[in-house]
């Protein structure tokens, strides 16, 4: 059934989106994914940081950002500073050093709330894919393309798929939550 493969694809995209969002949440450890959501004013448009600079992790609590064009140093530094990540970059003329400060308890709890919100958005996307699949199955049943028993079987398969993807999102949430709360 093509509707089921479409549904799986939509659910997989929702899971990937959650993974990407979680990668951008700061855990107190340096990761290039932390800066992926930052957009820099460059060449007349806003570009993702990883398209104008190289991001390295020389130490567990330090990121090095090296713009390919030295003229973008100030723009990159400003973009990092004004992001919602609470980072304080230092520009030495060649590279931008971004120390990753340890998280305090209040900030950890704030990040956990953010993670829960992001996970819920992922669950909503999965449930939306289920809704669309069920609507498609119902339409097939009403037009007599498939029988009631087959429609019921397809609906059950879609529900199993939904449960599986929601469980995977919950597992990602649990792992990321432990990572954030780790001192």
Protein backbone atom coordinates (compact mmCIF):
# COMPACT_ATOMS: atom_id res chain seq x y z
CA UNK A 1 0.00 0.00 0.00
CA UNK A 2 1.53 3.29 -1.06
CA UNK A 3 -0.28 5.25 1.66
CA UNK A 4 1.56 3.23 4.31
CA UNK A 5 4.97 3.92 2.76
CA UNK A 6 4.07 7.61 2.52
CA UNK A 7 3.01 7.53 6.16
CA UNK A 8 6.29 5.88 7.16
CA UNK A 9 8.20 8.55 5.21
CA UNK A 10 6.30 11.37 6.93
CA UNK A 11 6.89 9.80 10.35
CA UNK A 12 10.58 9.31 9.57
CA UNK A 13 10.84 12.98 8.62
CA UNK A 14 9.19 13.96 11.91
CA UNK A 15 11.70 11.79 13.81
CA UNK A 16 14.63 13.33 11.90
CA UNK A 17 13.33 16.83 12.63
CA UNK A 18 13.24 16.01 16.35
CA UNK A 19 16.79 14.62 16.14
CA UNK A 20 18.00 17.81 14.43
CA UNK A 21 16.26 20.05 16.97
CA UNK A 22 17.67 18.02 19.87
CA UNK A 23 21.19 18.28 18.41
CA UNK A 24 20.94 22.07 18.63
CA UNK A 25 20.08 22.04 22.34
CA UNK A 26 23.11 22.84 24.47
CA UNK A 27 24.24 20.21 26.97
CA UNK A 28 27.38 21.80 28.37
CA UNK A 29 29.52 19.87 25.87
CA UNK A 30 30.85 21.44 22.69
CA UNK A 31 29.26 20.16 19.47
CA UNK A 32 29.26 21.71 15.99
CA UNK A 33 25.51 20.91 15.79
CA UNK A 34 25.03 23.50 18.52
CA UNK A 35 25.73 26.30 16.02
CA UNK A 36 23.85 24.81 13.02
CA UNK A 37 20.72 26.88 13.61
CA UNK A 38 22.64 30.18 13.65
CA UNK A 39 22.21 32.28 10.53
CA UNK A 40 24.77 34.90 9.49
CA UNK A 41 24.22 38.06 7.43
CA UNK A 42 26.55 37.37 4.50
CA UNK A 43 26.58 38.41 0.86
CA UNK A 44 23.19 40.10 1.11
CA UNK A 45 21.28 37.20 2.68
CA UNK A 46 21.07 35.13 5.85
CA UNK A 47 23.14 31.95 5.49
CA UNK A 48 23.58 29.05 7.92
CA UNK A 49 26.86 29.37 9.84
CA UNK A 50 28.17 26.06 8.49
CA UNK A 51 27.94 27.48 4.92
CA UNK A 52 30.30 30.39 5.66
CA UNK A 53 32.70 28.88 8.21
CA UNK A 54 34.35 25.74 9.51
CA UNK A 55 33.37 24.67 13.03
CA UNK A 56 35.85 22.56 15.04
CA UNK A 57 35.84 21.11 18.55
CA UNK A 58 39.45 21.21 19.86
CA UNK A 59 38.37 20.69 23.51
CA UNK A 60 35.19 19.36 25.18
CA UNK A 61 34.11 22.88 26.20
CA UNK A 62 35.36 24.95 23.25
CA UNK A 63 34.24 25.50 19.67
CA UNK A 64 36.48 27.15 17.07
CA UNK A 65 34.70 28.92 14.22
CA UNK A 66 36.85 29.88 11.25
CA UNK A 67 35.02 31.92 8.57
CA UNK A 68 36.26 31.27 5.04
CA UNK A 69 36.02 34.99 4.29
CA UNK A 70 37.80 37.17 6.90
CA UNK A 71 35.33 39.97 6.09
CA UNK A 72 32.60 37.93 7.78
CA UNK A 73 34.37 37.68 11.17
CA UNK A 74 32.33 40.46 12.80
CA UNK A 75 29.05 39.18 11.33
CA UNK A 76 29.70 35.63 12.51
CA UNK A 77 30.68 36.81 15.99
CA UNK A 78 27.54 38.98 16.21
CA UNK A 79 25.29 36.14 15.02
CA UNK A 80 26.68 33.79 17.72
CA UNK A 81 26.44 36.46 20.43
CA UNK A 82 22.83 37.41 19.61
CA UNK A 83 21.61 33.80 19.28
CA UNK A 84 19.40 32.34 22.01
CA UNK A 85 22.22 29.99 23.06
CA UNK A 86 23.71 32.36 25.63
CA UNK A 87 27.25 32.04 24.24
CA UNK A 88 30.00 34.67 24.45
CA UNK A 89 32.38 34.34 21.45
CA UNK A 90 35.87 35.86 21.39
CA UNK A 91 37.33 37.03 18.07
CA UNK A 92 41.14 37.00 17.76
CA UNK A 93 41.25 38.10 14.10
CA UNK A 94 41.79 34.61 12.65
CA UNK A 95 39.29 32.42 14.47
CA UNK A 96 36.36 32.90 16.79
CA UNK A 97 36.62 30.98 20.05
CA UNK A 98 33.28 30.00 21.58
CA UNK A 99 33.68 28.69 25.14
CA UNK A 100 30.77 26.50 26.26
CA UNK A 101 29.97 27.38 29.88
CA UNK A 102 28.70 24.78 32.32
CA UNK A 103 24.95 24.83 32.75
CA UNK A 104 23.36 25.82 36.05
CA UNK A 105 20.37 23.93 37.46
CA UNK A 106 17.81 26.53 36.38
CA UNK A 107 19.10 26.54 32.79
CA UNK A 108 19.07 22.72 32.71
CA UNK A 109 15.40 22.67 33.74
CA UNK A 110 14.64 25.32 31.10
CA UNK A 111 16.32 23.16 28.46
CA UNK A 112 14.38 20.10 29.60
CA UNK A 113 11.12 22.04 29.16
CA UNK A 114 12.30 23.01 25.67
CA UNK A 115 13.10 19.37 24.89
CA UNK A 116 9.62 18.30 26.01
CA UNK A 117 8.07 20.95 23.76
CA UNK A 118 10.18 19.85 20.77
CA UNK A 119 9.31 16.20 21.41
CA UNK A 120 5.60 17.05 21.58
CA UNK A 121 5.87 18.86 18.23
CA UNK A 122 7.40 15.66 16.81
CA UNK A 123 4.60 13.53 18.29
CA UNK A 124 2.03 15.90 16.79
CA UNK A 125 3.67 15.53 13.36
CA UNK A 126 3.54 11.72 13.71
CA UNK A 127 -0.13 11.81 14.75
CA UNK A 128 -0.87 14.11 11.83
CA UNK A 129 0.69 11.55 9.46
CA UNK A 130 -1.51 8.87 11.08
CA UNK A 131 -4.60 11.06 10.60
CA UNK A 132 -3.82 11.57 6.90
CA UNK A 133 -3.25 7.82 6.40
CA UNK A 134 -6.49 6.93 8.16
CA UNK A 135 -8.34 9.50 6.04
CA UNK A 136 -6.89 7.88 2.91
CA UNK A 137 -7.86 4.39 4.12
CA UNK A 138 -11.41 5.55 4.89
CA UNK A 139 -11.70 7.09 1.41
CA UNK A 140 -10.58 3.80 -0.16
CA UNK A 141 -13.13 1.90 1.93
CA UNK A 142 -15.96 4.28 1.01
CA UNK A 143 -15.12 4.03 -2.70
CA UNK A 144 -15.08 0.20 -2.37
CA UNK A 145 -11.42 -0.08 -3.43
CA UNK A 146 -10.83 -2.13 -0.27
CA UNK A 147 -13.18 -4.02 2.05
CA UNK A 148 -13.98 -3.19 5.66
CA UNK A 149 -11.72 -5.96 7.00
CA UNK A 150 -8.77 -4.80 4.92
CA UNK A 151 -9.41 -1.18 5.95
CA UNK A 152 -9.40 -2.27 9.61
CA UNK A 153 -6.11 -4.15 9.07
CA UNK A 154 -4.50 -1.12 7.40
CA UNK A 155 -5.73 1.17 10.19
CA UNK A 156 -4.22 -1.20 12.77
CA UNK A 157 -0.89 -1.24 10.88
CA UNK A 158 -0.84 2.57 10.79
CA UNK A 159 -1.55 2.66 14.54
CA UNK A 160 1.35 0.24 15.20
CA UNK A 161 3.60 2.46 13.08
CA UNK A 162 2.43 5.53 15.03
CA UNK A 163 3.11 3.84 18.37
CA UNK A 164 6.57 2.80 17.18
CA UNK A 165 7.56 6.33 16.07
CA UNK A 166 6.17 7.96 19.20
CA UNK A 167 8.15 5.47 21.30
CA UNK A 168 11.29 6.35 19.31
CA UNK A 169 10.71 10.07 19.94
CA UNK A 170 10.19 9.33 23.65
CA UNK A 171 13.48 7.37 23.73
CA UNK A 172 15.31 10.28 22.07
CA UNK A 173 13.76 12.63 24.63
CA UNK A 174 14.78 10.43 27.56
CA UNK A 175 18.39 10.15 26.33
CA UNK A 176 18.72 13.87 25.63
CA UNK A 177 17.10 14.76 28.96
CA UNK A 178 19.65 12.60 30.81
CA UNK A 179 22.45 14.26 28.81
CA UNK A 180 21.21 17.76 29.73
CA UNK A 181 20.69 16.95 33.42
CA UNK A 182 24.14 15.28 33.70
CA UNK A 183 26.40 17.49 35.83
